[in-house]
Amino acid sequence: MTGIQPGLTVRGLGRNQIPVADWLCTCGHFERARGRNAVTNLATRARVGQCPHTEPVVSRSAA
């Protein structure tokens, strides 16, 4: 599929609707969250333009 850009999309805020968020990571990972708490958690974790799925994780013991 072409034409779909990575990013975070949030819908349904402030209109008496259940909020829904879609996150497409640059690596192709997709997540959807429904409900205010789940959308808030996803929006906090999502990093547009920065992939947390393929970047190396630095261990605290190595630091």
PDB file of N, CA and C in Angstrom:
ATOM      1  N   MET A   1       0.839  -1.164   0.000  1.00  0.00           N
ATOM      2  CA  MET A   1       0.000   0.000   0.000  1.00  0.00           C
ATOM      3  C   MET A   1       0.893   1.238   0.000  1.00  0.00           C
ATOM      4  N   THR A   2       0.520   2.230  -0.736  1.00  0.00           N
ATOM      5  CA  THR A   2       1.317   3.443  -0.789  1.00  0.00           C
ATOM      6  C   THR A   2       0.465   4.631  -0.360  1.00  0.00           C
ATOM      7  N   GLY A   3       1.136   5.710  -0.016  1.00  0.00           N
ATOM      8  CA  GLY A   3       0.433   6.939   0.323  1.00  0.00           C
ATOM      9  C   GLY A   3       0.105   7.105   1.793  1.00  0.00           C
ATOM     10  N   ILE A   4       0.342   6.095   2.594  1.00  0.00           N
ATOM     11  CA  ILE A   4       0.070   6.207   4.028  1.00  0.00           C
ATOM     12  C   ILE A   4       1.363   6.640   4.715  1.00  0.00           C
ATOM     13  N   GLN A   5       1.308   7.767   5.399  1.00  0.00           N
ATOM     14  CA  GLN A   5       2.480   8.318   6.062  1.00  0.00           C
ATOM     15  C   GLN A   5       2.511   7.890   7.532  1.00  0.00           C
ATOM     16  N   PRO A   6       3.688   7.580   8.071  1.00  0.00           N
ATOM     17  CA  PRO A   6       3.797   7.285   9.491  1.00  0.00           C
ATOM     18  C   PRO A   6       3.385   8.500  10.320  1.00  0.00           C
ATOM     19  N   GLY A   7       2.819   8.242  11.472  1.00  0.00           N
ATOM     20  CA  GLY A   7       2.417   9.327  12.355  1.00  0.00           C
ATOM     21  C   GLY A   7       1.359   8.881  13.340  1.00  0.00           C
ATOM     22  N   LEU A   8       0.896   9.818  14.128  1.00  0.00           N
ATOM     23  CA  LEU A   8      -0.117   9.579  15.153  1.00  0.00           C
ATOM     24  C   LEU A   8      -1.364  10.371  14.789  1.00  0.00           C
ATOM     25  N   THR A   9      -2.499   9.700  14.763  1.00  0.00           N
ATOM     26  CA  THR A   9      -3.776  10.339  14.475  1.00  0.00           C
ATOM     27  C   THR A   9      -4.720  10.073  15.644  1.00  0.00           C
ATOM     28  N   VAL A  10      -5.310  11.140  16.192  1.00  0.00           N
ATOM     29  CA  VAL A  10      -6.249  11.021  17.305  1.00  0.00           C
ATOM     30  C   VAL A  10      -7.577  11.614  16.855  1.00  0.00           C
ATOM     31  N   ARG A  11      -8.643  10.854  17.098  1.00  0.00           N
ATOM     32  CA  ARG A  11      -9.990  11.305  16.720  1.00  0.00           C
ATOM     33  C   ARG A  11     -10.928  11.181  17.913  1.00  0.00           C
ATOM     34  N   GLY A  12     -11.990  11.987  17.920  1.00  0.00           N
ATOM     35  CA  GLY A  12     -13.051  11.849  18.898  1.00  0.00           C
ATOM     36  C   GLY A  12     -12.841  12.574  20.210  1.00  0.00           C
ATOM     37  N   LEU A  13     -11.917  13.503  20.277  1.00  0.00           N
ATOM     38  CA  LEU A  13     -11.695  14.237  21.518  1.00  0.00           C
ATOM     39  C   LEU A  13     -12.683  15.395  21.627  1.00  0.00           C
ATOM     40  N   GLY A  14     -13.320  15.532  22.776  1.00  0.00           N
ATOM     41  CA  GLY A  14     -14.164  16.691  23.043  1.00  0.00           C
ATOM     42  C   GLY A  14     -15.500  16.708  22.339  1.00  0.00           C
ATOM     43  N   ARG A  15     -15.970  15.579  21.832  1.00  0.00           N
ATOM     44  CA  ARG A  15     -17.244  15.564  21.122  1.00  0.00           C
ATOM     45  C   ARG A  15     -18.160  14.474  21.655  1.00  0.00           C
ATOM     46  N   ASN A  16     -18.033  14.132  22.933  1.00  0.00           N
ATOM     47  CA  ASN A  16     -18.824  13.055  23.541  1.00  0.00           C
ATOM     48  C   ASN A  16     -18.712  11.750  22.762  1.00  0.00           C
ATOM     49  N   GLN A  17     -17.540  11.490  22.222  1.00  0.00           N
ATOM     50  CA  GLN A  17     -17.258  10.248  21.519  1.00  0.00           C
ATOM     51  C   GLN A  17     -16.141   9.525  22.254  1.00  0.00           C
ATOM     52  N   ILE A  18     -16.000   8.255  21.987  1.00  0.00           N
ATOM     53  CA  ILE A  18     -14.874   7.502  22.538  1.00  0.00           C
ATOM     54  C   ILE A  18     -13.649   7.855  21.701  1.00  0.00           C
ATOM     55  N   PRO A  19     -12.596   8.393  22.344  1.00  0.00           N
ATOM     56  CA  PRO A  19     -11.390   8.735  21.585  1.00  0.00           C
ATOM     57  C   PRO A  19     -10.719   7.492  21.005  1.00  0.00           C
ATOM     58  N   VAL A  20     -10.177   7.644  19.816  1.00  0.00           N
ATOM     59  CA  VAL A  20      -9.453   6.576  19.133  1.00  0.00           C
ATOM     60  C   VAL A  20      -8.166   7.171  18.588  1.00  0.00           C
ATOM     61  N   ALA A  21      -7.060   6.460  18.786  1.00  0.00           N
ATOM     62  CA  ALA A  21      -5.771   6.902  18.257  1.00  0.00           C
ATOM     63  C   ALA A  21      -5.163   5.786  17.418  1.00  0.00           C
ATOM     64  N   ASP A  22      -4.595   6.149  16.283  1.00  0.00           N
ATOM     65  CA  ASP A  22      -3.865   5.221  15.421  1.00  0.00           C
ATOM     66  C   ASP A  22      -2.440   5.723  15.298  1.00  0.00           C
ATOM     67  N   TRP A  23      -1.491   4.815  15.501  1.00  0.00           N
ATOM     68  CA  TRP A  23      -0.083   5.159  15.370  1.00  0.00           C
ATOM     69  C   TRP A  23       0.548   4.212  14.369  1.00  0.00           C
ATOM     70  N   LEU A  24       1.124   4.775  13.305  1.00  0.00           N
ATOM     71  CA  LEU A  24       1.897   4.008  12.340  1.00  0.00           C
ATOM     72  C   LEU A  24       3.343   4.455  12.485  1.00  0.00           C
ATOM     73  N   CYS A  25       4.187   3.545  12.946  1.00  0.00           N
ATOM     74  CA  CYS A  25       5.607   3.834  13.161  1.00  0.00           C
ATOM     75  C   CYS A  25       6.336   3.810  11.815  1.00  0.00           C
ATOM     76  N   THR A  26       7.496   4.415  11.776  1.00  0.00           N
ATOM     77  CA  THR A  26       8.290   4.425  10.547  1.00  0.00           C
ATOM     78  C   THR A  26       8.729   3.026  10.127  1.00  0.00           C
ATOM     79  N   CYS A  27       8.784   2.067  11.082  1.00  0.00           N
ATOM     80  CA  CYS A  27       9.172   0.691  10.758  1.00  0.00           C
ATOM     81  C   CYS A  27       7.999  -0.132  10.247  1.00  0.00           C
ATOM     82  N   GLY A  28       6.776   0.427  10.297  1.00  0.00           N
ATOM     83  CA  GLY A  28       5.602  -0.294   9.831  1.00  0.00           C
ATOM     84  C   GLY A  28       4.738  -0.846  10.961  1.00  0.00           C
ATOM     85  N   HIS A  29       5.208  -0.751  12.193  1.00  0.00           N
ATOM     86  CA  HIS A  29       4.424  -1.207  13.353  1.00  0.00           C
ATOM     87  C   HIS A  29       3.181  -0.330  13.483  1.00  0.00           C
ATOM     88  N   PHE A  30       2.017  -0.963  13.718  1.00  0.00           N
ATOM     89  CA  PHE A  30       0.759  -0.235  13.834  1.00  0.00           C
ATOM     90  C   PHE A  30       0.116  -0.544  15.179  1.00  0.00           C
ATOM     91  N   GLU A  31      -0.400   0.474  15.837  1.00  0.00           N
ATOM     92  CA  GLU A  31      -1.156   0.305  17.078  1.00  0.00           C
ATOM     93  C   GLU A  31      -2.398   1.172  17.031  1.00  0.00           C
ATOM     94  N   ARG A  32      -3.478   0.666  17.640  1.00  0.00           N
ATOM     95  CA  ARG A  32      -4.714   1.432  17.786  1.00  0.00           C
ATOM     96  C   ARG A  32      -5.103   1.382  19.255  1.00  0.00           C
ATOM     97  N   ALA A  33      -5.541   2.525  19.771  1.00  0.00           N
ATOM     98  CA  ALA A  33      -5.995   2.627  21.154  1.00  0.00           C
ATOM     99  C   ALA A  33      -7.393   3.222  21.171  1.00  0.00           C
ATOM    100  N   ARG A  34      -8.245   2.700  22.066  1.00  0.00           N
ATOM    101  CA  ARG A  34      -9.610   3.215  22.218  1.00  0.00           C
ATOM    102  C   ARG A  34      -9.834   3.555  23.678  1.00  0.00           C
ATOM    103  N   GLY A  35     -10.447   4.702  23.922  1.00  0.00           N
ATOM    104  CA  GLY A  35     -10.708   5.155  25.285  1.00  0.00           C
ATOM    105  C   GLY A  35      -9.688   6.205  25.705  1.00  0.00           C
ATOM    106  N   ARG A  36     -10.115   7.100  26.561  1.00  0.00           N
ATOM    107  CA  ARG A  36      -9.275   8.237  26.941  1.00  0.00           C
ATOM    108  C   ARG A  36      -7.940   7.806  27.552  1.00  0.00           C
ATOM    109  N   ASN A  37      -7.936   6.874  28.493  1.00  0.00           N
ATOM    110  CA  ASN A  37      -6.677   6.453  29.130  1.00  0.00           C
ATOM    111  C   ASN A  37      -5.747   5.757  28.139  1.00  0.00           C
ATOM    112  N   ALA A  38      -6.291   4.875  27.324  1.00  0.00           N
ATOM    113  CA  ALA A  38      -5.470   4.155  26.347  1.00  0.00           C
ATOM    114  C   ALA A  38      -4.892   5.113  25.302  1.00  0.00           C
ATOM    115  N   VAL A  39      -5.688   6.094  24.867  1.00  0.00           N
ATOM    116  CA  VAL A  39      -5.206   7.081  23.891  1.00  0.00           C
ATOM    117  C   VAL A  39      -4.108   7.936  24.512  1.00  0.00           C
ATOM    118  N   THR A  40      -4.287   8.339  25.768  1.00  0.00           N
ATOM    119  CA  THR A  40      -3.260   9.128  26.455  1.00  0.00           C
ATOM    120  C   THR A  40      -1.962   8.340  26.564  1.00  0.00           C
ATOM    121  N   ASN A  41      -2.046   7.060  26.934  1.00  0.00           N
ATOM    122  CA  ASN A  41      -0.846   6.220  27.047  1.00  0.00           C
ATOM    123  C   ASN A  41      -0.146   6.063  25.705  1.00  0.00           C
ATOM    124  N   LEU A  42      -0.916   5.836  24.646  1.00  0.00           N
ATOM    125  CA  LEU A  42      -0.302   5.683  23.320  1.00  0.00           C
ATOM    126  C   LEU A  42       0.339   6.990  22.857  1.00  0.00           C
ATOM    127  N   ALA A  43      -0.347   8.096  23.068  1.00  0.00           N
ATOM    128  CA  ALA A  43       0.202   9.391  22.660  1.00  0.00           C
ATOM    129  C   ALA A  43       1.483   9.717  23.424  1.00  0.00           C
ATOM    130  N   THR A  44       1.590   9.242  24.648  1.00  0.00           N
ATOM    131  CA  THR A  44       2.797   9.460  25.445  1.00  0.00           C
ATOM    132  C   THR A  44       3.962   8.612  24.925  1.00  0.00           C
ATOM    133  N   ARG A  45       3.677   7.381  24.499  1.00  0.00           N
ATOM    134  CA  ARG A  45       4.726   6.466  24.024  1.00  0.00           C
ATOM    135  C   ARG A  45       5.143   6.711  22.588  1.00  0.00           C
ATOM    136  N   ALA A  46       4.227   7.154  21.754  1.00  0.00           N
ATOM    137  CA  ALA A  46       4.498   7.298  20.317  1.00  0.00           C
ATOM    138  C   ALA A  46       5.522   8.394  20.071  1.00  0.00           C
ATOM    139  N   ARG A  47       6.496   8.090  19.266  1.00  0.00           N
ATOM    140  CA  ARG A  47       7.520   9.057  18.874  1.00  0.00           C
ATOM    141  C   ARG A  47       7.523   9.129  17.359  1.00  0.00           C
ATOM    142  N   VAL A  48       6.900  10.143  16.821  1.00  0.00           N
ATOM    143  CA  VAL A  48       6.814  10.285  15.371  1.00  0.00           C
ATOM    144  C   VAL A  48       8.201  10.604  14.818  1.00  0.00           C
ATOM    145  N   GLY A  49       8.620   9.837  13.833  1.00  0.00           N
ATOM    146  CA  GLY A  49       9.928  10.026  13.222  1.00  0.00           C
ATOM    147  C   GLY A  49      11.069   9.357  13.963  1.00  0.00           C
ATOM    148  N   GLN A  50      10.761   8.660  15.056  1.00  0.00           N
ATOM    149  CA  GLN A  50      11.792   7.990  15.854  1.00  0.00           C
ATOM    150  C   GLN A  50      11.258   6.614  16.235  1.00  0.00           C
ATOM    151  N   CYS A  51      11.837   5.559  15.697  1.00  0.00           N
ATOM    152  CA  CYS A  51      11.322   4.207  15.888  1.00  0.00           C
ATOM    153  C   CYS A  51      11.864   3.569  17.163  1.00  0.00           C
ATOM    154  N   PRO A  52      10.997   3.253  18.128  1.00  0.00           N
ATOM    155  CA  PRO A  52      11.445   2.562  19.334  1.00  0.00           C
ATOM    156  C   PRO A  52      11.534   1.049  19.132  1.00  0.00           C
ATOM    157  N   HIS A  53      11.104   0.544  17.977  1.00  0.00           N
ATOM    158  CA  HIS A  53      11.075  -0.898  17.740  1.00  0.00           C
ATOM    159  C   HIS A  53      12.370  -1.428  17.149  1.00  0.00           C
ATOM    160  N   THR A  54      13.147  -0.579  16.493  1.00  0.00           N
ATOM    161  CA  THR A  54      14.374  -1.049  15.848  1.00  0.00           C
ATOM    162  C   THR A  54      15.627  -0.406  16.412  1.00  0.00           C
ATOM    163  N   GLU A  55      15.464   0.637  17.228  1.00  0.00           N
ATOM    164  CA  GLU A  55      16.641   1.283  17.807  1.00  0.00           C
ATOM    165  C   GLU A  55      17.155   0.449  18.976  1.00  0.00           C
ATOM    166  N   PRO A  56      18.463   0.382  19.143  1.00  0.00           N
ATOM    167  CA  PRO A  56      19.012  -0.416  20.243  1.00  0.00           C
ATOM    168  C   PRO A  56      18.598   0.149  21.607  1.00  0.00           C
ATOM    169  N   VAL A  57      18.353  -0.783  22.528  1.00  0.00           N
ATOM    170  CA  VAL A  57      17.978  -0.400  23.886  1.00  0.00           C
ATOM    171  C   VAL A  57      19.233  -0.402  24.740  1.00  0.00           C
ATOM    172  N   VAL A  58      19.478   0.701  25.443  1.00  0.00           N
ATOM    173  CA  VAL A  58      20.646   0.818  26.306  1.00  0.00           C
ATOM    174  C   VAL A  58      20.248   0.311  27.684  1.00  0.00           C
ATOM    175  N   SER A  59      20.987  -0.662  28.188  1.00  0.00           N
ATOM    176  CA  SER A  59      20.675  -1.206  29.509  1.00  0.00           C
ATOM    177  C   SER A  59      21.220  -0.287  30.591  1.00  0.00           C
ATOM    178  N   ARG A  60      20.502  -0.211  31.692  1.00  0.00           N
ATOM    179  CA  ARG A  60      20.913   0.670  32.793  1.00  0.00           C
ATOM    180  C   ARG A  60      22.196   0.167  33.465  1.00  0.00           C
ATOM    181  N   SER A  61      22.423  -1.139  33.444  1.00  0.00           N
ATOM    182  CA  SER A  61      23.619  -1.663  34.096  1.00  0.00           C
ATOM    183  C   SER A  61      24.884  -1.320  33.309  1.00  0.00           C
ATOM    184  N   ALA A  62      24.743  -1.082  32.014  1.00  0.00           N
ATOM    185  CA  ALA A  62      25.898  -0.732  31.190  1.00  0.00           C
ATOM    186  C   ALA A  62      26.287   0.728  31.348  1.00  0.00           C
ATOM    187  N   ALA A  63      25.388   1.535  31.827  1.00  0.00           N
ATOM    188  CA  ALA A  63      25.663   2.969  31.937  1.00  0.00           C
ATOM    189  C   ALA A  63      26.491   3.322  33.137  1.00  0.00           C
TER     190      ALA A  63
END
